[in-house]
Amino acid sequence: MNSYNLTIFLAIWSTAFILTRLGLSRMFKLAGMNPLLAWIPILNWWFWIQLVGRPKWYMIGMVIPGLNILFSFNIKLDLLRSFGKVKFWEQAVGIILTFAYFPYLLFDKSLKFVGKAGEKEWRKENLVKSNASREWADAILFAVYVAGGMRALFFDLYQIPTPSMESNLMVGDHLVVSRTNIGMRIPMTPISVPVLAPKEIAGIKAYTDLVEFPYMRLPGWYTIKNNDIIVFNWPADEGFPTDKKDNYVKRCIGIPGDSVFIRKGQVYINNKPLPVVDKQQKRYLLLMKDYITQDFLLEHNLGDFTIPYRVAPEILKNTQKAGQMLIPYHIYTWPDNIKNIKKHGSVAAVFEDIVDEGYDRHLFPDTANTSYLKHQWDLNNYGPFYLPKRGETIELTKNNWDWFKAAINVYEKANIVEQGGKFYTQGGNGTEIKKYTFKMGYYWMMGDNRYNSSDSRYWGYVPEDHILGKPLFTFFSLKKVININEIGEPNIQGNNMLYDVKGIRWDRIFRKIE
């Protein structure tokens, strides 16, 4: 993904660099070093390491992305100690808010160099042994800085909470997500509860919007392709800044510039069928002689099941003729797995169920709120539609307004209104416009579990500023299975399925994500 607002990022970075170097140059001077050395990007680390007395090989750690967060913590702490800053608040502010604390030291008249705190002998002679509470505070500060920095800049961790991507991603999988390969998105709300960076804790906002950055992304080396699995912020999570919205993981079906439509469950991109991924789920009607059990689900790698709203009358009629009273379920799995399921003693019959009563669904765009587009699309038959590219100019018409309205007014906040088939700026009182140039590109996300996935078919396209990263591998996986009540129904709390842990999926640990 191409960089975005790189100029703004460089302006913010330059400001932070200048503020930090104001204090650092004074510390260099007080330590007997040329203060101009503090202003040389990257190379100043070499002299900083010498100032605090760390070994020269520390420079290697400072230039390796990710590892440099760990090393920078140490040399910041050493620098503060080298100038007598040993109180916890001084070290916490100096390490986390360096750009604010180092300029303050420029005016600290009591500041003086007291020794090379990176040297083991100096620390042994000059540092007072900390009590238990201070040791815990120091450990927490280290964890917050290192883990929070890694999470904000390079990698994120994500747990699969729902079965929308099964069987390729299972409930209980824990993923390592790269933020950098597609281009690192700079945090938009930088002041928040660190490490986990949740949006709320016990219903209380876990961030402040007093400081909000615009959407900025650094250059990456990988371009998102059709069928890539992507982690993103859920656009429909209203009322929160973009980077605090819930994280979702889906397969990216369409990328900016694609024309997309779905016919009979097959996705077409630019009039060509999109290759079907391995283990893509289909929906089946399962008729059982006994209630479904957790053992049955585990045995056949079934991540979820539902109770069907309807069962074809002819199927029920045939089972009654056979003198059996069977229990219907909807299961979601890939075709090869059905062969084994049919052999189970509790299974009476299995039928592929592709019928979707989609006219009753609230698919995107919701026709109750559209002026011209009154579709009758369903999960299997959807579109056609077009995904705009950043910088692309389109002519606004009655035919495309309902489709592009969310992109233009919700995500790009252009405040354009339609009146009688014409389009105006500034709430309808401004200038008539006929064309619009998109500020961002838009993506289309769908789950591999096509009949049991809350995806773009329900809430629409994903703007590029919502894209978080690309999962690399599964680093851990818990074997989770749906909790089932006494009459064979899945237990649900609110809108969430309840799951029981039945062990560890050892075969999925450090498994590459395709």
Protein backbone atom coordinates (compact mmCIF):
# COMPACT_ATOMS: atom_id res chain seq x y z
CA MET A 1 0.00 0.00 0.00
CA ASN A 2 1.38 3.40 -0.95
CA SER A 3 2.25 5.90 1.75
CA TYR A 4 -0.31 8.51 2.71
CA ASN A 5 0.30 11.97 4.18
CA LEU A 6 4.02 11.28 4.31
CA THR A 7 4.65 15.05 4.38
CA ILE A 8 2.58 15.46 7.55
CA PHE A 9 4.37 12.53 9.17
CA LEU A 10 7.77 14.00 8.36
CA ALA A 11 6.67 17.35 9.81
CA ILE A 12 5.55 15.70 13.08
CA TRP A 13 8.69 13.54 13.22
CA SER A 14 10.92 16.57 12.56
CA THR A 15 9.23 18.54 15.34
CA ALA A 16 9.71 15.66 17.81
CA PHE A 17 13.33 15.24 16.65
CA ILE A 18 14.13 18.93 17.15
CA LEU A 19 12.51 19.07 20.59
CA THR A 20 14.36 15.95 21.72
CA ARG A 21 17.72 17.14 20.38
CA LEU A 22 17.43 20.48 22.15
CA GLY A 23 17.82 18.71 25.49
CA LEU A 24 20.14 16.01 24.18
CA SER A 25 22.63 18.55 22.79
CA ARG A 26 22.87 20.22 26.20
CA MET A 27 23.52 16.84 27.84
CA PHE A 28 26.23 16.12 25.27
CA LYS A 29 27.87 19.45 26.12
CA LEU A 30 27.69 18.85 29.89
CA ALA A 31 29.32 15.43 29.35
CA GLY A 32 32.22 17.04 27.45
CA MET A 33 31.07 16.09 23.95
CA ASN A 34 30.43 18.29 20.93
CA PRO A 35 26.71 19.25 21.17
CA LEU A 36 26.42 19.31 17.37
CA LEU A 37 26.82 15.51 17.37
CA ALA A 38 23.38 15.21 18.96
CA TRP A 39 21.77 16.62 15.82
CA ILE A 40 23.05 14.01 13.35
CA PRO A 41 20.21 11.48 12.74
CA ILE A 42 21.10 7.84 13.45
CA LEU A 43 24.81 8.63 13.94
CA ASN A 44 23.99 10.47 17.17
CA TRP A 45 23.11 7.06 18.67
CA TRP A 46 26.77 6.07 18.32
CA PHE A 47 27.89 9.02 20.44
CA TRP A 48 24.95 8.58 22.83
CA ILE A 49 26.10 4.99 23.45
CA GLN A 50 29.63 6.26 24.16
CA LEU A 51 28.30 8.93 26.53
CA VAL A 52 26.47 6.39 28.74
CA GLY A 53 29.23 3.78 28.53
CA ARG A 54 27.42 0.96 26.77
CA PRO A 55 29.47 -1.38 24.52
CA LYS A 56 29.90 -0.42 20.88
CA TRP A 57 27.88 -3.40 19.63
CA TYR A 58 24.78 -1.65 21.04
CA MET A 59 24.72 0.26 17.76
CA ILE A 60 23.72 -2.96 15.97
CA GLY A 61 20.63 -3.26 18.16
CA MET A 62 19.73 0.38 17.56
CA VAL A 63 19.50 -0.02 13.77
CA ILE A 64 17.47 -3.27 13.70
CA PRO A 65 13.71 -2.49 13.54
CA GLY A 66 11.85 -3.95 16.50
CA LEU A 67 15.01 -4.73 18.42
CA ASN A 68 15.82 -1.02 18.57
CA ILE A 69 12.84 -0.47 20.89
CA LEU A 70 14.50 -2.68 23.52
CA PHE A 71 17.90 -1.03 23.10
CA SER A 72 16.51 2.50 23.06
CA PHE A 73 14.84 1.86 26.42
CA ASN A 74 18.22 1.00 27.93
CA ILE A 75 20.15 3.97 26.55
CA LYS A 76 17.36 6.40 27.51
CA LEU A 77 17.37 5.02 31.04
CA ASP A 78 21.18 5.18 31.14
CA LEU A 79 21.14 8.78 29.93
CA LEU A 80 18.68 9.87 32.59
CA ARG A 81 20.70 8.14 35.32
CA SER A 82 23.91 9.69 33.94
CA PHE A 83 22.43 13.09 34.74
CA GLY A 84 21.04 12.21 38.15
CA LYS A 85 17.45 11.56 37.12
CA VAL A 86 16.70 8.51 39.28
CA LYS A 87 13.14 9.19 40.47
CA PHE A 88 10.52 6.97 38.90
CA TRP A 89 8.43 9.82 37.49
CA GLU A 90 11.53 11.37 35.88
CA GLN A 91 12.45 8.12 34.19
CA ALA A 92 8.88 7.29 33.15
CA VAL A 93 8.29 10.69 31.54
CA GLY A 94 11.80 10.81 30.07
CA ILE A 95 11.45 7.39 28.43
CA ILE A 96 7.83 7.56 27.21
CA LEU A 97 7.50 11.30 26.53
CA THR A 98 11.08 11.98 25.45
CA PHE A 99 10.06 14.74 23.04
CA ALA A 100 8.51 16.67 25.97
CA TYR A 101 10.97 15.90 28.79
CA PHE A 102 14.27 16.46 26.98
CA PRO A 103 13.39 20.09 26.06
CA TYR A 104 12.53 20.63 29.73
CA LEU A 105 16.07 19.56 30.64
CA LEU A 106 17.38 22.38 28.45
CA PHE A 107 16.23 24.80 31.18
CA ASP A 108 17.09 22.63 34.22
CA LYS A 109 19.83 24.64 35.95
CA SER A 110 20.67 21.76 38.32
CA LEU A 111 21.39 19.36 35.46
CA LYS A 112 24.92 17.93 35.54
CA PHE A 113 26.77 14.87 34.31
CA VAL A 114 27.38 12.40 37.16
CA GLY A 115 28.89 9.44 35.33
CA LYS A 116 28.44 6.73 32.68
CA ALA A 117 25.38 4.89 33.94
CA GLY A 118 25.73 2.22 31.27
CA GLU A 119 28.84 0.84 32.92
CA LYS A 120 28.25 -2.02 35.33
CA GLU A 121 30.75 -0.72 37.91
CA TRP A 122 29.13 2.72 37.95
CA ARG A 123 25.68 1.23 38.55
CA LYS A 124 27.07 -0.97 41.31
CA GLU A 125 28.59 2.00 43.13
CA ASN A 126 25.95 4.65 42.55
CA LEU A 127 22.52 3.05 42.27
CA VAL A 128 20.66 2.41 45.49
CA LYS A 129 18.96 -0.98 45.68
CA SER A 130 15.28 -0.52 44.92
CA ASN A 131 12.48 -1.73 47.15
CA ALA A 132 9.93 -4.25 45.89
CA SER A 133 7.37 -1.66 44.79
CA ARG A 134 9.98 0.28 42.76
CA GLU A 135 11.19 -2.94 41.11
CA TRP A 136 7.62 -3.72 40.07
CA ALA A 137 7.15 -0.18 38.77
CA ASP A 138 10.38 -0.40 36.75
CA ALA A 139 9.33 -3.76 35.31
CA ILE A 140 5.93 -2.38 34.30
CA LEU A 141 7.57 0.67 32.70
CA PHE A 142 9.83 -1.62 30.67
CA ALA A 143 6.92 -3.81 29.56
CA VAL A 144 4.78 -0.80 28.62
CA TYR A 145 7.55 0.78 26.56
CA VAL A 146 8.76 -2.32 24.76
CA ALA A 147 5.46 -4.16 24.25
CA GLY A 148 3.56 -0.95 23.53
CA GLY A 149 6.18 0.23 21.06
CA MET A 150 6.27 -3.10 19.25
CA ARG A 151 2.49 -3.21 19.06
CA ALA A 152 2.11 0.37 17.87
CA LEU A 153 4.84 0.29 15.26
CA PHE A 154 5.70 -3.19 14.03
CA PHE A 155 3.55 -6.14 15.11
CA ASP A 156 0.14 -6.72 16.59
CA LEU A 157 -1.44 -9.77 18.18
CA TYR A 158 -4.95 -10.82 17.25
CA GLN A 159 -7.19 -13.60 18.55
CA ILE A 160 -9.84 -15.14 16.29
CA PRO A 161 -13.12 -14.64 18.22
CA THR A 162 -15.71 -15.89 15.69
CA PRO A 163 -15.96 -18.70 13.11
CA SER A 164 -16.31 -16.38 10.10
CA MET A 165 -12.94 -17.49 8.63
CA GLU A 166 -13.11 -21.21 9.42
CA SER A 167 -11.67 -23.63 8.61
CA ASN A 168 -8.63 -21.63 7.50
CA LEU A 169 -8.60 -19.59 10.72
CA MET A 170 -10.18 -21.26 13.75
CA VAL A 171 -11.76 -19.77 16.85
CA GLY A 172 -8.96 -19.76 19.41
CA ASP A 173 -6.15 -19.05 16.92
CA HIS A 174 -3.75 -16.31 18.04
CA LEU A 175 -2.14 -14.48 15.13
CA VAL A 176 0.97 -12.34 14.69
CA VAL A 177 0.01 -9.44 12.44
CA SER A 178 2.60 -7.36 10.61
CA ARG A 179 1.89 -3.62 10.53
CA THR A 180 4.88 -2.81 8.35
CA ASN A 181 4.79 -4.98 5.22
CA ILE A 182 1.76 -3.20 3.72
CA GLY A 183 2.87 0.15 5.17
CA MET A 184 2.78 1.05 8.84
CA ARG A 185 -0.22 3.15 9.85
CA ILE A 186 0.74 5.80 12.40
CA PRO A 187 -1.48 5.62 15.53
CA MET A 188 -4.26 8.19 15.25
CA THR A 189 -4.99 8.40 18.98
CA PRO A 190 -1.46 8.14 20.43
CA ILE A 191 -2.46 8.81 24.05
CA SER A 192 -4.22 5.67 25.25
CA VAL A 193 -3.87 2.80 27.69
CA PRO A 194 -0.66 1.17 26.44
CA VAL A 195 0.20 -2.39 25.35
CA LEU A 196 -3.32 -3.70 24.72
CA ALA A 197 -4.65 -0.31 23.59
CA PRO A 198 -8.33 -1.13 24.14
CA LYS A 199 -11.06 1.34 23.30
CA GLU A 200 -12.83 0.88 26.65
CA ILE A 201 -12.12 -0.55 30.09
CA ALA A 202 -15.21 -1.32 32.17
CA GLY A 203 -17.22 0.96 29.91
CA ILE A 204 -14.82 3.88 30.34
CA LYS A 205 -12.95 5.33 27.37
CA ALA A 206 -9.35 4.05 27.43
CA TYR A 207 -7.91 6.84 25.29
CA THR A 208 -8.13 10.59 24.90
CA ASP A 209 -9.12 12.39 21.73
CA LEU A 210 -7.46 15.60 22.88
CA VAL A 211 -4.57 14.58 20.63
CA GLU A 212 -5.59 13.03 17.30
CA PHE A 213 -3.35 12.61 14.29
CA PRO A 214 -4.67 12.55 10.71
CA TYR A 215 -4.42 9.33 8.73
CA MET A 216 -0.76 8.72 7.93
CA ARG A 217 0.89 5.62 6.53
CA LEU A 218 4.54 4.96 5.79
CA PRO A 219 5.64 3.19 2.60
CA GLY A 220 5.41 -0.61 2.65
CA TRP A 221 6.95 -3.30 0.48
CA TYR A 222 3.85 -5.45 -0.09
CA THR A 223 0.70 -4.59 -2.05
CA ILE A 224 -2.57 -6.19 -0.93
CA LYS A 225 -3.80 -8.70 -3.49
CA ASN A 226 -7.12 -10.44 -4.10
CA ASN A 227 -7.65 -13.30 -1.62
CA ASP A 228 -5.13 -11.95 0.96
CA ILE A 229 -6.19 -12.27 4.59
CA ILE A 230 -6.20 -8.80 6.20
CA VAL A 231 -6.81 -7.38 9.69
CA PHE A 232 -8.68 -4.08 9.74
CA ASN A 233 -10.80 -1.82 11.92
CA TRP A 234 -14.49 -2.55 11.50
CA PRO A 235 -15.99 0.45 9.66
CA ALA A 236 -19.45 -0.05 11.16
CA ASP A 237 -18.14 0.37 14.73
CA GLU A 238 -19.53 3.89 15.11
CA GLY A 239 -18.64 6.43 17.78
CA PHE A 240 -14.92 5.64 18.01
CA PRO A 241 -11.78 6.95 16.29
CA THR A 242 -10.70 4.75 13.40
CA ASP A 243 -7.82 3.05 15.22
CA LYS A 244 -10.03 2.30 18.26
CA LYS A 245 -12.74 0.49 16.34
CA ASP A 246 -13.00 -3.28 16.77
CA ASN A 247 -10.46 -5.35 14.84
CA TYR A 248 -11.82 -7.77 12.23
CA VAL A 249 -10.01 -10.33 10.09
CA LYS A 250 -11.39 -11.34 6.68
CA ARG A 251 -10.24 -12.29 3.22
CA CYS A 252 -9.78 -9.31 0.89
CA ILE A 253 -11.90 -10.21 -2.13
CA GLY A 254 -11.72 -6.88 -3.99
CA ILE A 255 -9.02 -4.21 -4.11
CA PRO A 256 -9.24 -0.59 -5.35
CA GLY A 257 -10.02 -0.46 -9.06
CA ASP A 258 -11.87 -3.80 -9.10
CA SER A 259 -15.33 -4.40 -10.52
CA VAL A 260 -16.98 -7.12 -8.45
CA PHE A 261 -20.11 -9.25 -8.54
CA ILE A 262 -21.26 -12.54 -7.00
CA ARG A 263 -23.39 -15.05 -8.89
CA LYS A 264 -24.56 -18.34 -7.35
CA GLY A 265 -21.90 -17.97 -4.66
CA GLN A 266 -19.01 -17.49 -7.10
CA VAL A 267 -17.10 -14.20 -6.84
CA TYR A 268 -16.10 -12.51 -10.10
CA ILE A 269 -13.37 -9.86 -10.26
CA ASN A 270 -13.27 -7.81 -13.45
CA ASN A 271 -15.50 -10.46 -15.09
CA LYS A 272 -13.11 -13.31 -14.17
CA PRO A 273 -13.94 -15.92 -11.50
CA LEU A 274 -11.91 -15.47 -8.32
CA PRO A 275 -10.09 -18.72 -7.42
CA VAL A 276 -11.76 -20.54 -4.53
CA VAL A 277 -9.45 -20.87 -1.52
CA ASP A 278 -8.73 -24.18 0.14
CA LYS A 279 -11.31 -25.27 2.73
CA GLN A 280 -13.73 -22.49 1.85
CA GLN A 281 -16.90 -23.25 3.78
CA LYS A 282 -20.27 -24.21 2.39
CA ARG A 283 -23.50 -24.57 4.34
CA TYR A 284 -25.10 -27.98 4.79
CA LEU A 285 -28.35 -29.16 6.30
CA LEU A 286 -27.48 -31.94 8.74
CA LEU A 287 -30.22 -34.33 9.92
CA MET A 288 -29.23 -36.20 13.06
CA LYS A 289 -30.78 -39.02 15.04
CA ASP A 290 -29.46 -37.55 18.31
CA TYR A 291 -28.63 -34.10 19.61
CA ILE A 292 -25.33 -32.72 18.34
CA THR A 293 -22.46 -32.92 20.84
CA GLN A 294 -19.14 -31.18 21.42
CA ASP A 295 -17.37 -34.47 20.71
CA PHE A 296 -19.06 -34.60 17.30
CA LEU A 297 -17.94 -31.03 16.54
CA LEU A 298 -14.36 -31.73 17.62
CA GLU A 299 -14.15 -35.00 15.73
CA HIS A 300 -15.16 -33.35 12.45
CA ASN A 301 -13.43 -29.95 12.85
CA LEU A 302 -16.73 -28.09 12.94
CA GLY A 303 -16.21 -24.65 14.36
CA ASP A 304 -19.87 -23.69 14.50
CA PHE A 305 -23.42 -24.78 13.86
CA THR A 306 -26.81 -23.09 13.90
CA ILE A 307 -30.45 -24.07 14.16
CA PRO A 308 -32.07 -23.64 10.71
CA TYR A 309 -35.00 -21.26 10.43
CA ARG A 310 -36.60 -23.55 7.92
CA VAL A 311 -36.18 -27.05 6.57
CA ALA A 312 -37.40 -27.96 3.08
CA PRO A 313 -40.84 -29.64 3.48
CA GLU A 314 -39.96 -32.46 1.11
CA ILE A 315 -36.98 -33.40 3.29
CA LEU A 316 -39.10 -33.52 6.43
CA LYS A 317 -41.75 -35.51 4.58
CA ASN A 318 -39.19 -38.12 3.53
CA THR A 319 -37.85 -38.50 7.05
CA GLN A 320 -41.37 -38.96 8.42
CA LYS A 321 -42.04 -41.69 5.83
CA ALA A 322 -38.95 -43.47 7.03
CA GLY A 323 -40.41 -43.43 10.53
CA GLN A 324 -37.67 -41.25 11.94
CA MET A 325 -37.94 -38.00 13.87
CA LEU A 326 -34.69 -36.28 12.98
CA ILE A 327 -33.05 -33.17 14.42
CA PRO A 328 -32.03 -30.53 11.82
CA TYR A 329 -28.86 -28.44 12.06
CA HIS A 330 -26.94 -26.14 9.78
CA ILE A 331 -23.23 -26.94 9.72
CA TYR A 332 -20.48 -25.04 7.88
CA THR A 333 -17.58 -26.97 6.42
CA TRP A 334 -15.68 -27.77 3.24
CA PRO A 335 -16.90 -30.44 0.79
CA ASP A 336 -14.24 -33.09 1.47
CA ASN A 337 -15.10 -33.07 5.16
CA ILE A 338 -18.71 -34.02 4.41
CA LYS A 339 -17.59 -37.48 3.28
CA ASN A 340 -16.44 -38.32 6.81
CA ILE A 341 -19.45 -36.70 8.48
CA LYS A 342 -21.85 -38.88 6.49
CA LYS A 343 -20.20 -42.00 7.93
CA HIS A 344 -21.01 -41.05 11.55
CA GLY A 345 -23.61 -43.27 13.20
CA SER A 346 -25.71 -40.34 14.45
CA VAL A 347 -26.02 -38.79 10.99
CA ALA A 348 -29.13 -39.67 8.98
CA ALA A 349 -28.53 -37.38 6.00
CA VAL A 350 -26.59 -34.31 4.82
CA PHE A 351 -27.75 -31.89 2.10
CA GLU A 352 -25.93 -28.89 0.67
CA ASP A 353 -28.04 -25.81 1.42
CA ILE A 354 -27.31 -22.83 -0.82
CA VAL A 355 -30.73 -21.14 -0.57
CA ASP A 356 -30.48 -17.68 0.94
CA GLU A 357 -33.53 -15.66 1.85
CA GLY A 358 -31.47 -12.53 1.35
CA TYR A 359 -34.32 -10.16 0.55
CA ASP A 360 -35.06 -9.96 4.26
CA ARG A 361 -31.49 -9.13 5.18
CA HIS A 362 -30.12 -5.63 5.68
CA LEU A 363 -27.38 -5.85 3.08
CA PHE A 364 -25.22 -2.92 2.03
CA PRO A 365 -26.41 -0.44 1.01
CA ASP A 366 -29.60 -0.63 3.06
CA THR A 367 -32.37 0.03 0.53
CA ALA A 368 -34.49 1.65 3.26
CA ASN A 369 -32.05 4.57 3.11
CA THR A 370 -31.27 4.71 -0.61
CA SER A 371 -32.84 7.03 -3.15
CA TYR A 372 -32.22 5.13 -6.37
CA LEU A 373 -30.49 1.79 -5.75
CA LYS A 374 -33.26 -0.65 -4.75
CA HIS A 375 -31.44 -3.95 -5.05
CA GLN A 376 -32.72 -7.44 -4.36
CA TRP A 377 -29.29 -8.89 -3.69
CA ASP A 378 -28.57 -11.81 -1.39
CA LEU A 379 -25.45 -13.54 -0.06
CA ASN A 380 -25.04 -15.62 -3.22
CA ASN A 381 -26.06 -13.02 -5.79
CA TYR A 382 -24.66 -9.56 -5.09
CA GLY A 383 -23.65 -6.62 -7.25
CA PRO A 384 -22.17 -5.65 -9.62
CA PHE A 385 -20.28 -2.79 -7.97
CA TYR A 386 -17.02 -0.87 -8.33
CA LEU A 387 -14.31 -0.14 -5.72
CA PRO A 388 -12.73 3.30 -6.30
CA LYS A 389 -8.99 3.98 -6.17
CA ARG A 390 -7.28 6.81 -4.32
CA GLY A 391 -6.98 9.82 -6.64
CA GLU A 392 -9.58 8.49 -9.08
CA THR A 393 -12.18 10.95 -10.33
CA ILE A 394 -15.69 9.72 -11.11
CA GLU A 395 -18.79 11.41 -12.41
CA LEU A 396 -21.57 11.51 -9.82
CA THR A 397 -24.87 10.13 -11.09
CA LYS A 398 -28.15 8.80 -9.75
CA ASN A 399 -26.93 5.31 -10.57
CA ASN A 400 -23.79 5.43 -8.42
CA TRP A 401 -24.64 7.93 -5.67
CA ASP A 402 -26.24 5.43 -3.26
CA TRP A 403 -23.23 3.16 -3.62
CA PHE A 404 -20.50 5.80 -3.16
CA LYS A 405 -22.35 7.98 -0.62
CA ALA A 406 -20.80 6.30 2.42
CA ALA A 407 -17.27 6.64 1.01
CA ILE A 408 -17.76 10.29 0.12
CA ASN A 409 -19.61 11.56 3.20
CA VAL A 410 -18.90 9.09 6.02
CA TYR A 411 -15.27 8.16 5.42
CA GLU A 412 -14.01 11.20 3.50
CA LYS A 413 -16.37 13.73 5.12
CA ALA A 414 -16.92 15.65 1.88
CA ASN A 415 -20.40 16.82 2.94
CA ILE A 416 -21.98 16.46 -0.49
CA VAL A 417 -25.75 16.27 -0.83
CA GLU A 418 -27.99 15.08 -3.63
CA GLN A 419 -31.07 17.03 -4.66
CA GLY A 420 -33.13 15.94 -7.62
CA GLY A 421 -30.27 14.05 -9.21
CA LYS A 422 -27.82 16.97 -8.83
CA PHE A 423 -25.00 17.24 -6.30
CA TYR A 424 -23.95 20.15 -4.14
CA THR A 425 -21.30 20.99 -1.56
CA GLN A 426 -21.88 22.60 1.84
CA GLY A 427 -25.20 21.03 2.70
CA GLY A 428 -26.93 21.85 -0.57
CA ASN A 429 -26.32 25.61 -0.42
CA GLY A 430 -23.03 25.60 -2.21
CA THR A 431 -21.67 24.95 -5.63
CA GLU A 432 -23.05 22.26 -7.88
CA ILE A 433 -20.46 19.56 -8.60
CA LYS A 434 -20.52 16.84 -11.19
CA LYS A 435 -17.34 14.92 -10.38
CA TYR A 436 -15.63 13.69 -7.23
CA THR A 437 -12.01 12.66 -6.63
CA PHE A 438 -11.53 9.97 -3.98
CA LYS A 439 -9.00 10.59 -1.22
CA MET A 440 -8.65 6.90 -0.34
CA GLY A 441 -8.86 3.47 -1.95
CA TYR A 442 -11.55 0.97 -0.92
CA TYR A 443 -11.44 -2.78 -0.26
CA TRP A 444 -14.06 -5.56 -0.12
CA MET A 445 -13.79 -8.12 2.69
CA MET A 446 -15.55 -11.49 2.99
CA GLY A 447 -15.21 -14.43 5.36
CA ASP A 448 -14.31 -17.94 4.19
CA ASN A 449 -17.37 -19.13 6.11
CA ARG A 450 -19.56 -17.44 3.52
CA TYR A 451 -22.97 -18.23 5.07
CA ASN A 452 -21.99 -17.32 8.61
CA SER A 453 -19.84 -14.21 8.27
CA SER A 454 -20.54 -10.58 9.08
CA ASP A 455 -18.62 -9.01 6.23
CA SER A 456 -18.73 -6.34 3.51
CA ARG A 457 -21.99 -7.69 2.13
CA TYR A 458 -23.63 -6.39 5.33
CA TRP A 459 -21.69 -3.21 6.15
CA GLY A 460 -19.90 -2.24 2.96
CA TYR A 461 -16.41 -1.50 1.71
CA VAL A 462 -13.36 -0.86 3.91
CA PRO A 463 -11.46 2.44 3.44
CA GLU A 464 -7.68 2.20 3.31
CA ASP A 465 -7.30 4.17 6.55
CA HIS A 466 -9.03 1.24 8.35
CA ILE A 467 -6.48 -1.32 7.12
CA LEU A 468 -4.31 -2.46 10.03
CA GLY A 469 -2.01 -5.20 8.77
CA LYS A 470 -1.45 -8.63 7.27
CA PRO A 471 -1.34 -11.75 9.48
CA LEU A 472 1.91 -13.70 9.19
CA PHE A 473 1.42 -16.86 11.24
CA THR A 474 -0.50 -18.49 14.07
CA PHE A 475 1.75 -18.41 17.14
CA PHE A 476 -0.70 -20.26 19.43
CA SER A 477 -4.08 -21.95 19.16
CA LEU A 478 -6.60 -23.07 21.76
CA LYS A 479 -8.97 -25.86 20.80
CA LYS A 480 -12.29 -24.12 21.35
CA VAL A 481 -15.70 -25.68 20.82
CA ILE A 482 -19.17 -24.17 21.09
CA ASN A 483 -20.91 -24.61 24.44
CA ILE A 484 -24.12 -26.60 23.88
CA ASN A 485 -27.18 -26.65 26.12
CA GLU A 486 -29.23 -29.71 27.10
CA ILE A 487 -31.40 -29.60 23.96
CA GLY A 488 -28.57 -29.37 21.48
CA GLU A 489 -28.58 -25.62 20.88
CA PRO A 490 -25.52 -23.32 20.96
CA ASN A 491 -25.32 -21.19 24.08
CA ILE A 492 -25.28 -17.49 23.26
CA GLN A 493 -24.63 -14.58 25.61
CA GLY A 494 -25.81 -11.33 24.07
CA ASN A 495 -24.59 -11.56 20.47
CA ASN A 496 -21.62 -13.78 21.29
CA MET A 497 -21.27 -17.54 21.15
CA LEU A 498 -19.95 -19.19 24.30
CA TYR A 499 -16.97 -21.51 23.83
CA ASP A 500 -15.30 -24.16 25.98
CA VAL A 501 -11.55 -24.82 25.80
CA LYS A 502 -10.72 -28.46 25.10
CA GLY A 503 -6.95 -28.30 24.84
CA ILE A 504 -4.34 -26.93 22.46
CA ARG A 505 -4.17 -27.33 18.70
CA TRP A 506 -0.48 -28.21 18.52
CA ASP A 507 -0.55 -28.63 14.75
CA ARG A 508 -1.53 -24.96 14.28
CA ILE A 509 1.27 -23.41 16.35
CA PHE A 510 3.68 -21.39 14.16
CA ARG A 511 1.55 -22.22 11.14
CA LYS A 512 1.93 -19.86 8.20
CA ILE A 513 -1.24 -18.10 7.11
CA GLU A 514 -2.14 -18.47 3.45
